[in-house]
Every structure is written in structure tokens, then in C-alpha cells.
PDB file of N, CA and C in Angstrom:
ATOM      1  N   MET A   1       4.462  11.124 -11.594  1.00  0.00           N
ATOM      2  CA  MET A   1       3.341   9.871 -11.492  1.00  0.00           C
ATOM      3  C   MET A   1       4.222   8.661 -10.480  1.00  0.00           C
ATOM      4  N   PRO A   2       3.677   8.491  -9.330  1.00  0.00           N
ATOM      5  CA  PRO A   2       4.011   7.190  -8.538  1.00  0.00           C
ATOM      6  C   PRO A   2       4.218   5.877  -9.045  1.00  0.00           C
ATOM      7  N   PRO A   3       5.400   5.261  -8.623  1.00  0.00           N
ATOM      8  CA  PRO A   3       5.158   3.735  -9.230  1.00  0.00           C
ATOM      9  C   PRO A   3       4.430   3.149  -8.770  1.00  0.00           C
ATOM     10  N   ALA A   4       4.065   1.989  -9.563  1.00  0.00           N
ATOM     11  CA  ALA A   4       2.784   1.246  -9.373  1.00  0.00           C
ATOM     12  C   ALA A   4       2.452   0.639  -8.027  1.00  0.00           C
ATOM     13  N   PHE A   5       3.850   0.208  -7.438  1.00  0.00           N
ATOM     14  CA  PHE A   5       4.026  -0.376  -6.032  1.00  0.00           C
ATOM     15  C   PHE A   5       3.382   0.057  -5.121  1.00  0.00           C
ATOM     16  N   VAL A   6       3.506   1.636  -5.163  1.00  0.00           N
ATOM     17  CA  VAL A   6       3.126   2.514  -4.094  1.00  0.00           C
ATOM     18  C   VAL A   6       1.699   2.886  -4.216  1.00  0.00           C
ATOM     19  N   VAL A   7       0.999   2.659  -5.566  1.00  0.00           N
ATOM     20  CA  VAL A   7      -0.590   2.781  -5.588  1.00  0.00           C
ATOM     21  C   VAL A   7      -0.822   1.284  -5.221  1.00  0.00           C
ATOM     22  N   VAL A   8      -0.376   0.261  -5.497  1.00  0.00           N
ATOM     23  CA  VAL A   8      -0.960  -1.167  -5.051  1.00  0.00           C
ATOM     24  C   VAL A   8      -1.267  -1.012  -3.318  1.00  0.00           C
ATOM     25  N   CYS A   9       0.005  -0.679  -2.977  1.00  0.00           N
ATOM     26  CA  CYS A   9       0.213  -0.716  -1.539  1.00  0.00           C
ATOM     27  C   CYS A   9      -1.108   0.199  -0.721  1.00  0.00           C
ATOM     28  N   THR A  10      -1.240   1.628  -1.522  1.00  0.00           N
ATOM     29  CA  THR A  10      -2.185   2.179  -0.728  1.00  0.00           C
ATOM     30  C   THR A  10      -3.677   1.905  -1.094  1.00  0.00           C
ATOM     31  N   ALA A  11      -3.778   1.135  -2.269  1.00  0.00           N
ATOM     32  CA  ALA A  11      -4.796   0.749  -2.584  1.00  0.00           C
ATOM     33  C   ALA A  11      -5.476  -0.593  -1.641  1.00  0.00           C
ATOM     34  N   VAL A  12      -4.802  -1.421  -1.373  1.00  0.00           N
ATOM     35  CA  VAL A  12      -4.706  -2.456  -0.624  1.00  0.00           C
ATOM     36  C   VAL A  12      -5.310  -1.994   0.978  1.00  0.00           C
ATOM     37  N   THR A  13      -4.724  -0.915   1.306  1.00  0.00           N
ATOM     38  CA  THR A  13      -4.981  -0.358   2.498  1.00  0.00           C
ATOM     39  C   THR A  13      -6.182   0.113   2.563  1.00  0.00           C
ATOM     40  N   VAL A  14      -6.520   0.947   1.725  1.00  0.00           N
ATOM     41  CA  VAL A  14      -7.595   1.888   1.821  1.00  0.00           C
ATOM     42  C   VAL A  14      -8.728   0.657   1.415  1.00  0.00           C
ATOM     43  N   LEU A  15      -9.116  -0.432   0.800  1.00  0.00           N
ATOM     44  CA  LEU A  15     -10.029  -1.232   0.215  1.00  0.00           C
ATOM     45  C   LEU A  15     -10.126  -1.960   1.634  1.00  0.00           C
ATOM     46  N   ARG A  16      -9.346  -2.518   2.173  1.00  0.00           N
ATOM     47  CA  ARG A  16      -9.441  -3.081   3.655  1.00  0.00           C
ATOM     48  C   ARG A  16     -10.086  -2.493   4.602  1.00  0.00           C
ATOM     49  N   HIS A  17      -9.945  -1.033   4.458  1.00  0.00           N
ATOM     50  CA  HIS A  17     -10.930  -0.075   5.694  1.00  0.00           C
ATOM     51  C   HIS A  17     -11.843  -0.052   5.036  1.00  0.00           C
ATOM     52  N   ARG A  18     -12.426   0.463   3.797  1.00  0.00           N
ATOM     53  CA  ARG A  18     -13.662   0.736   3.427  1.00  0.00           C
ATOM     54  C   ARG A  18     -14.613  -0.142   3.009  1.00  0.00           C
ATOM     55  N   ARG A  19     -13.855  -1.795   2.760  1.00  0.00           N
ATOM     56  CA  ARG A  19     -14.799  -2.740   2.670  1.00  0.00           C
ATOM     57  C   ARG A  19     -14.312  -3.975   2.974  1.00  0.00           C
ATOM     58  N   PRO A  20     -14.303  -4.186   4.673  1.00  0.00           N
ATOM     59  CA  PRO A  20     -14.017  -5.309   5.149  1.00  0.00           C
ATOM     60  C   PRO A  20     -14.414  -6.501   5.115  1.00  0.00           C
ATOM     61  N   GLY A  21     -15.560  -6.603   4.526  1.00  0.00           N
ATOM     62  CA  GLY A  21     -16.129  -7.804   4.641  1.00  0.00           C
ATOM     63  C   GLY A  21     -16.223  -8.481   2.893  1.00  0.00           C
ATOM     64  N   LEU A  22     -15.381  -7.839   2.387  1.00  0.00           N
ATOM     65  CA  LEU A  22     -15.365  -8.138   0.978  1.00  0.00           C
ATOM     66  C   LEU A  22     -14.514  -9.473   0.920  1.00  0.00           C
ATOM     67  N   PRO A  23     -14.841 -10.486   0.144  1.00  0.00           N
ATOM     68  CA  PRO A  23     -14.103 -11.845  -0.020  1.00  0.00           C
ATOM     69  C   PRO A  23     -12.918 -11.467  -0.623  1.00  0.00           C
ATOM     70  N   CYS A  24     -11.698 -12.150  -0.263  1.00  0.00           N
ATOM     71  CA  CYS A  24     -10.381 -12.183  -0.868  1.00  0.00           C
ATOM     72  C   CYS A  24      -9.819 -13.519  -1.150  1.00  0.00           C
ATOM     73  N   ALA A  25      -8.863 -13.564  -2.196  1.00  0.00           N
ATOM     74  CA  ALA A  25      -8.490 -14.868  -1.976  1.00  0.00           C
ATOM     75  C   ALA A  25      -6.774 -14.811  -1.540  1.00  0.00           C
ATOM     76  N   PHE A  26      -6.437 -13.600  -0.876  1.00  0.00           N
ATOM     77  CA  PHE A  26      -5.191 -13.362  -0.150  1.00  0.00           C
ATOM     78  C   PHE A  26      -5.225 -12.330   0.633  1.00  0.00           C
ATOM     79  N   ARG A  27      -4.703 -12.746   1.772  1.00  0.00           N
ATOM     80  CA  ARG A  27      -4.984 -11.841   2.874  1.00  0.00           C
ATOM     81  C   ARG A  27      -3.237 -11.502   3.041  1.00  0.00           C
ATOM     82  N   THR A  28      -3.029 -10.168   3.196  1.00  0.00           N
ATOM     83  CA  THR A  28      -1.903  -9.347   3.524  1.00  0.00           C
ATOM     84  C   THR A  28      -1.370  -9.760   5.051  1.00  0.00           C
ATOM     85  N   PRO A  29      -0.239 -10.256   5.115  1.00  0.00           N
ATOM     86  CA  PRO A  29       0.221 -10.123   6.518  1.00  0.00           C
ATOM     87  C   PRO A  29       0.496  -9.058   7.207  1.00  0.00           C
ATOM     88  N   ARG A  30       0.379  -8.833   8.767  1.00  0.00           N
ATOM     89  CA  ARG A  30       0.617  -7.740   9.448  1.00  0.00           C
ATOM     90  C   ARG A  30       0.323  -6.658   8.803  1.00  0.00           C
ATOM     91  N   MET A  31      -1.246  -6.428   8.331  1.00  0.00           N
ATOM     92  CA  MET A  31      -1.743  -5.503   7.379  1.00  0.00           C
ATOM     93  C   MET A  31      -1.176  -4.220   7.531  1.00  0.00           C
ATOM     94  N   PRO A  32      -1.388  -3.194   8.667  1.00  0.00           N
ATOM     95  CA  PRO A  32      -1.191  -1.727   8.389  1.00  0.00           C
ATOM     96  C   PRO A  32       0.636  -1.788   8.117  1.00  0.00           C
ATOM     97  N   VAL A  33       1.342  -2.668   8.779  1.00  0.00           N
ATOM     98  CA  VAL A  33       2.706  -2.570   8.477  1.00  0.00           C
ATOM     99  C   VAL A  33       3.490  -2.685   7.248  1.00  0.00           C
ATOM    100  N   VAL A  34       2.728  -3.854   6.493  1.00  0.00           N
ATOM    101  CA  VAL A  34       3.356  -4.255   5.180  1.00  0.00           C
ATOM    102  C   VAL A  34       3.319  -3.272   4.134  1.00  0.00           C
ATOM    103  N   PRO A  35       1.807  -2.861   3.816  1.00  0.00           N
ATOM    104  CA  PRO A  35       1.640  -2.000   2.788  1.00  0.00           C
ATOM    105  C   PRO A  35       2.448  -0.616   3.196  1.00  0.00           C
ATOM    106  N   ALA A  36       2.473  -0.334   4.275  1.00  0.00           N
ATOM    107  CA  ALA A  36       2.888   1.165   4.758  1.00  0.00           C
ATOM    108  C   ALA A  36       4.706   0.900   4.472  1.00  0.00           C
ATOM    109  N   GLY A  37       5.387  -0.307   4.727  1.00  0.00           N
ATOM    110  CA  GLY A  37       6.478  -0.423   4.559  1.00  0.00           C
ATOM    111  C   GLY A  37       6.877  -0.374   3.051  1.00  0.00           C
ATOM    112  N   GLY A  38       6.110  -0.863   2.029  1.00  0.00           N
ATOM    113  CA  GLY A  38       5.996  -0.576   0.802  1.00  0.00           C
ATOM    114  C   GLY A  38       6.087   0.667  -0.054  1.00  0.00           C
ATOM    115  N   VAL A  39       5.193   1.523   0.909  1.00  0.00           N
ATOM    116  CA  VAL A  39       5.082   2.919   0.370  1.00  0.00           C
ATOM    117  C   VAL A  39       6.086   3.636   0.665  1.00  0.00           C
ATOM    118  N   ALA A  40       6.649   3.702   2.037  1.00  0.00           N
ATOM    119  CA  ALA A  40       7.672   4.398   2.440  1.00  0.00           C
ATOM    120  C   ALA A  40       9.011   4.772   1.818  1.00  0.00           C
ATOM    121  N   PRO A  41       9.570   3.493   1.467  1.00  0.00           N
ATOM    122  CA  PRO A  41      11.040   3.800   0.419  1.00  0.00           C
ATOM    123  C   PRO A  41      10.867   4.551  -0.745  1.00  0.00           C
ATOM    124  N   PRO A  42       9.554   3.982  -1.621  1.00  0.00           N
ATOM    125  CA  PRO A  42       9.461   4.791  -2.834  1.00  0.00           C
ATOM    126  C   PRO A  42       9.288   6.198  -2.740  1.00  0.00           C
ATOM    127  N   ALA A  43       8.532   6.475  -1.697  1.00  0.00           N
ATOM    128  CA  ALA A  43       7.917   7.876  -1.446  1.00  0.00           C
ATOM    129  C   ALA A  43       8.982   8.665  -1.198  1.00  0.00           C
ATOM    130  N   ARG A  44       9.887   8.288  -0.256  1.00  0.00           N
ATOM    131  CA  ARG A  44      10.993   8.996   0.018  1.00  0.00           C
ATOM    132  C   ARG A  44      12.103   9.243  -1.165  1.00  0.00           C
ATOM    133  N   LEU A  45      12.340   8.196  -2.105  1.00  0.00           N
ATOM    134  CA  LEU A  45      13.133   8.533  -3.037  1.00  0.00           C
ATOM    135  C   LEU A  45      12.347   9.367  -4.267  1.00  0.00           C
ATOM    136  N   ILE A  46      11.174   9.604  -4.410  1.00  0.00           N
ATOM    137  CA  ILE A  46      10.484  10.337  -5.066  1.00  0.00           C
ATOM    138  C   ILE A  46      10.508  11.765  -4.571  1.00  0.00           C
ATOM    139  N   THR A  47      10.446  11.887  -3.367  1.00  0.00           N
ATOM    140  CA  THR A  47      10.555  13.310  -2.578  1.00  0.00           C
ATOM    141  C   THR A  47      12.022  13.752  -2.737  1.00  0.00           C
ATOM    142  N   PHE A  48      13.060  12.911  -2.432  1.00  0.00           N
ATOM    143  CA  PHE A  48      14.211  13.569  -2.613  1.00  0.00           C
ATOM    144  C   PHE A  48      15.202  13.203  -4.094  1.00  0.00           C
ATOM    145  N   LEU A  49      14.269  13.146  -5.156  1.00  0.00           N
ATOM    146  CA  LEU A  49      14.690  12.870  -6.161  1.00  0.00           C
ATOM    147  C   LEU A  49      15.597  13.933  -6.944  1.00  0.00           C
ATOM    148  N   ARG A  50      15.504  15.166  -6.499  1.00  0.00           N
ATOM    149  CA  ARG A  50      16.372  16.361  -7.072  1.00  0.00           C
ATOM    150  C   ARG A  50      17.400  16.649  -6.553  1.00  0.00           C
TER     151      ARG A  50
END
């Protein structure tokens, strides 16, 4: 099971692309870069765990 932070970063990206008009209280700065940067390091650690 992936860490929760990876799931949240992925969900933010998917939600922004599928429902761009949805009102939100918080805007993610530099949208595609910040969530990708949050997914890459933990995903790499999970991949090379063994």
C-alpha cells in the first residue's frame, strides 16, 4: 500500500484535471510540479525497497 502522501498528491492532480471548475479553498502552487515532486521520492523509495 502506498503512503498516504503519494495518494493525496495523485488525487489532487487527477481532481484538478477532471473537475477544473470545482470551487476550492486552497490552490496548489505550480500545480503539475508540486504534486509530481511529492510523488516521485516516495515512489522511488518504494520501488527500491528490497
